[in-house]
Amino acid sequence: MQVNSKISFYIGKKFFSYFCLTLLVFVSLIGLIDFLEIARRAQNKTVDLPILFYLVFFKLPSLLQEIAFFLILIAALLTLNKLNSRLEIAVMRSVGISIWKILSPLLLTSFLIGVFWVTVFNPYVSWSKSQYEKYDRLYLGGAVLSDT
C-alpha cells in the first residue's frame, strides 16, 4: 500500500503542477488580450495606465471562470501525455496497478481544485465582476458585462 500512495502522490503532484502551468499560460494570454481590448476602448478617453491594469485585474477572474473546466482538461491531457511518453504508465500497468488507480489521483486533485474553485474563487469572481462593472462605467462609460 505504501508504493501505491507514493505513486498516487507523484501523479497528483504532476497533475497539479501542470494545472498551475496551464493556469499561468492562460492568465498571461487572456490578460494580454484583454489589456489590449481595454486599451483600445480607452484610447479616446483620458485614462491612466494603472486604471487599465485594475480593469484587467478585475475582469480576468470572470474570464477564467468560463474556462476553468478546459484548464483541468488540458492539465490532465498534459499529465497523461508526459507519463505515457516516459513509459511510466506502462511500467505502472506492468507491475499490476490498474488504470483506475492511475487515474484516481487526477480525479481527486480535480475534485479538490473544484472545491477550492467553488468555495474560494467563485465569491472572489462575484466581487471582482462588480468592481469591474463599477470601474468600467466610471472610467470608460461601458456597458454592463453580460453573462451570456
Protein backbone atom coordinates (compact mmCIF):
# COMPACT_ATOMS: atom_id res chain seq x y z
CA MET A 1 0.00 0.00 0.00
CA GLN A 2 2.97 2.31 0.63
CA VAL A 3 4.08 2.13 -3.01
CA ASN A 4 0.60 2.94 -4.34
CA SER A 5 0.33 6.02 -2.12
CA LYS A 6 3.73 7.27 -3.31
CA ILE A 7 2.73 6.74 -6.93
CA SER A 8 -0.61 8.45 -6.34
CA PHE A 9 1.11 11.41 -4.69
CA TYR A 10 3.58 11.59 -7.60
CA ILE A 11 0.80 11.59 -10.20
CA GLY A 12 -1.26 14.12 -8.23
CA LYS A 13 1.75 16.40 -7.84
CA LYS A 14 2.47 16.20 -11.59
CA PHE A 15 -1.15 16.97 -12.40
CA PHE A 16 -1.27 19.94 -10.02
CA SER A 17 1.98 21.34 -11.44
CA TYR A 18 0.61 21.06 -14.98
CA PHE A 19 -2.63 22.69 -13.83
CA CYS A 20 -0.67 25.62 -12.36
CA LEU A 21 1.39 25.90 -15.55
CA THR A 22 -1.73 25.83 -17.72
CA LEU A 23 -3.39 28.41 -15.48
CA LEU A 24 -0.34 30.67 -15.73
CA VAL A 25 -0.23 30.42 -19.52
CA PHE A 26 -3.94 31.14 -19.91
CA VAL A 27 -3.87 34.00 -17.39
CA SER A 28 -0.99 35.56 -19.32
CA LEU A 29 -2.65 35.17 -22.70
CA ILE A 30 -6.11 36.27 -21.62
CA GLY A 31 -4.69 39.13 -19.57
CA LEU A 32 -2.65 40.42 -22.51
CA ILE A 33 -5.53 40.16 -24.96
CA ASP A 34 -7.97 41.74 -22.52
CA PHE A 35 -5.50 44.55 -21.77
CA LEU A 36 -5.25 45.30 -25.48
CA GLU A 37 -9.04 45.32 -25.75
CA ILE A 38 -9.50 47.63 -22.78
CA ALA A 39 -6.70 49.91 -24.04
CA ARG A 40 -8.43 50.07 -27.42
CA ARG A 41 -11.69 51.07 -25.72
CA ALA A 42 -9.88 53.71 -23.64
CA GLN A 43 -7.89 55.30 -26.46
CA ASN A 44 -10.27 58.26 -26.83
CA LYS A 45 -10.56 58.81 -23.09
CA THR A 46 -8.03 60.11 -20.60
CA VAL A 47 -7.49 57.01 -18.50
CA ASP A 48 -4.23 56.32 -16.69
CA LEU A 49 -2.32 53.09 -17.24
CA PRO A 50 -2.83 51.81 -13.66
CA ILE A 51 -6.60 52.11 -14.11
CA LEU A 52 -6.35 49.92 -17.22
CA PHE A 53 -4.41 47.33 -15.23
CA TYR A 54 -7.07 47.45 -12.49
CA LEU A 55 -9.76 46.86 -15.09
CA VAL A 56 -7.90 43.85 -16.47
CA PHE A 57 -7.24 42.57 -12.96
CA PHE A 58 -10.93 42.80 -12.10
CA LYS A 59 -12.17 41.26 -15.36
CA LEU A 60 -9.70 38.38 -15.53
CA PRO A 61 -11.32 36.15 -12.85
CA SER A 62 -14.69 36.15 -14.62
CA LEU A 63 -12.97 35.12 -17.83
CA LEU A 64 -11.08 32.37 -16.01
CA GLN A 65 -14.34 31.15 -14.52
CA GLU A 66 -15.57 30.38 -18.02
CA ILE A 67 -12.54 28.29 -19.00
CA ALA A 68 -11.90 26.51 -15.68
CA PHE A 69 -13.03 23.12 -17.00
CA PHE A 70 -10.77 23.40 -20.00
CA LEU A 71 -7.82 24.17 -17.75
CA ILE A 72 -8.38 20.92 -15.87
CA LEU A 73 -8.84 19.01 -19.12
CA ILE A 74 -5.65 20.40 -20.64
CA ALA A 75 -3.69 19.73 -17.44
CA ALA A 76 -4.93 16.13 -17.36
CA LEU A 77 -4.01 15.62 -21.01
CA LEU A 78 -0.54 17.06 -20.44
CA THR A 79 -0.02 14.90 -17.37
CA LEU A 80 -1.10 11.68 -19.05
CA ASN A 81 0.88 12.52 -22.18
CA LYS A 82 4.04 13.13 -20.15
CA LEU A 83 3.56 9.93 -18.15
CA ASN A 84 2.94 7.99 -21.35
CA SER A 85 5.92 9.44 -23.22
CA ARG A 86 8.24 8.42 -20.39
CA LEU A 87 6.59 4.96 -20.32
CA GLU A 88 5.63 5.47 -16.69
CA ILE A 89 2.05 4.35 -17.31
CA ALA A 90 3.32 1.18 -18.99
CA VAL A 91 5.59 0.42 -16.03
CA MET A 92 2.77 1.03 -13.56
CA ARG A 93 0.46 -1.24 -15.54
CA SER A 94 3.16 -3.94 -15.79
CA VAL A 95 3.54 -4.13 -12.00
CA GLY A 96 -0.20 -4.65 -11.64
CA ILE A 97 -1.57 -1.21 -10.90
CA SER A 98 -4.98 -0.79 -12.51
CA ILE A 99 -5.72 2.15 -14.75
CA TRP A 100 -8.28 3.39 -12.21
CA LYS A 101 -5.59 3.65 -9.55
CA ILE A 102 -3.52 5.65 -12.02
CA LEU A 103 -6.44 7.96 -12.78
CA SER A 104 -7.69 8.31 -9.19
CA PRO A 105 -5.09 10.99 -8.23
CA LEU A 106 -6.19 13.01 -11.25
CA LEU A 107 -9.83 12.70 -10.19
CA LEU A 108 -9.10 13.52 -6.56
CA THR A 109 -6.94 16.53 -7.44
CA SER A 110 -9.56 17.76 -9.91
CA PHE A 111 -12.20 17.42 -7.22
CA LEU A 112 -10.10 19.39 -4.73
CA ILE A 113 -9.42 22.09 -7.32
CA GLY A 114 -13.17 22.23 -7.99
CA VAL A 115 -13.98 22.56 -4.29
CA PHE A 116 -11.45 25.39 -4.00
CA TRP A 117 -12.85 26.98 -7.14
CA VAL A 118 -16.42 26.94 -5.84
CA THR A 119 -15.77 27.90 -2.22
CA VAL A 120 -12.97 30.45 -2.56
CA PHE A 121 -12.60 31.59 -6.15
CA ASN A 122 -16.30 31.90 -7.04
CA PRO A 123 -17.07 34.55 -4.36
CA TYR A 124 -13.96 36.44 -5.47
CA VAL A 125 -15.22 36.32 -9.06
CA SER A 126 -18.52 37.87 -7.99
CA TRP A 127 -16.76 40.67 -6.14
CA SER A 128 -14.26 41.36 -8.93
CA LYS A 129 -17.02 41.36 -11.55
CA SER A 130 -18.94 44.02 -9.63
CA GLN A 131 -15.73 46.04 -9.22
CA TYR A 132 -15.03 45.75 -12.94
CA GLU A 133 -18.52 46.93 -13.83
CA LYS A 134 -18.22 49.88 -11.45
CA TYR A 135 -14.82 51.00 -12.79
CA ASP A 136 -15.83 50.32 -16.38
CA ARG A 137 -18.84 52.62 -16.07
CA LEU A 138 -16.81 55.21 -14.18
CA TYR A 139 -13.78 55.43 -16.46
CA LEU A 140 -14.86 54.04 -19.81
CA GLY A 141 -18.62 54.59 -19.76
CA GLY A 142 -19.05 50.99 -20.74
CA ALA A 143 -22.00 48.67 -20.69
CA VAL A 144 -22.55 46.04 -18.07
CA LEU A 145 -20.61 42.80 -18.54
CA SER A 146 -23.02 40.24 -19.99
CA ASP A 147 -23.48 36.72 -18.65
CA THR A 148 -24.20 35.10 -22.00
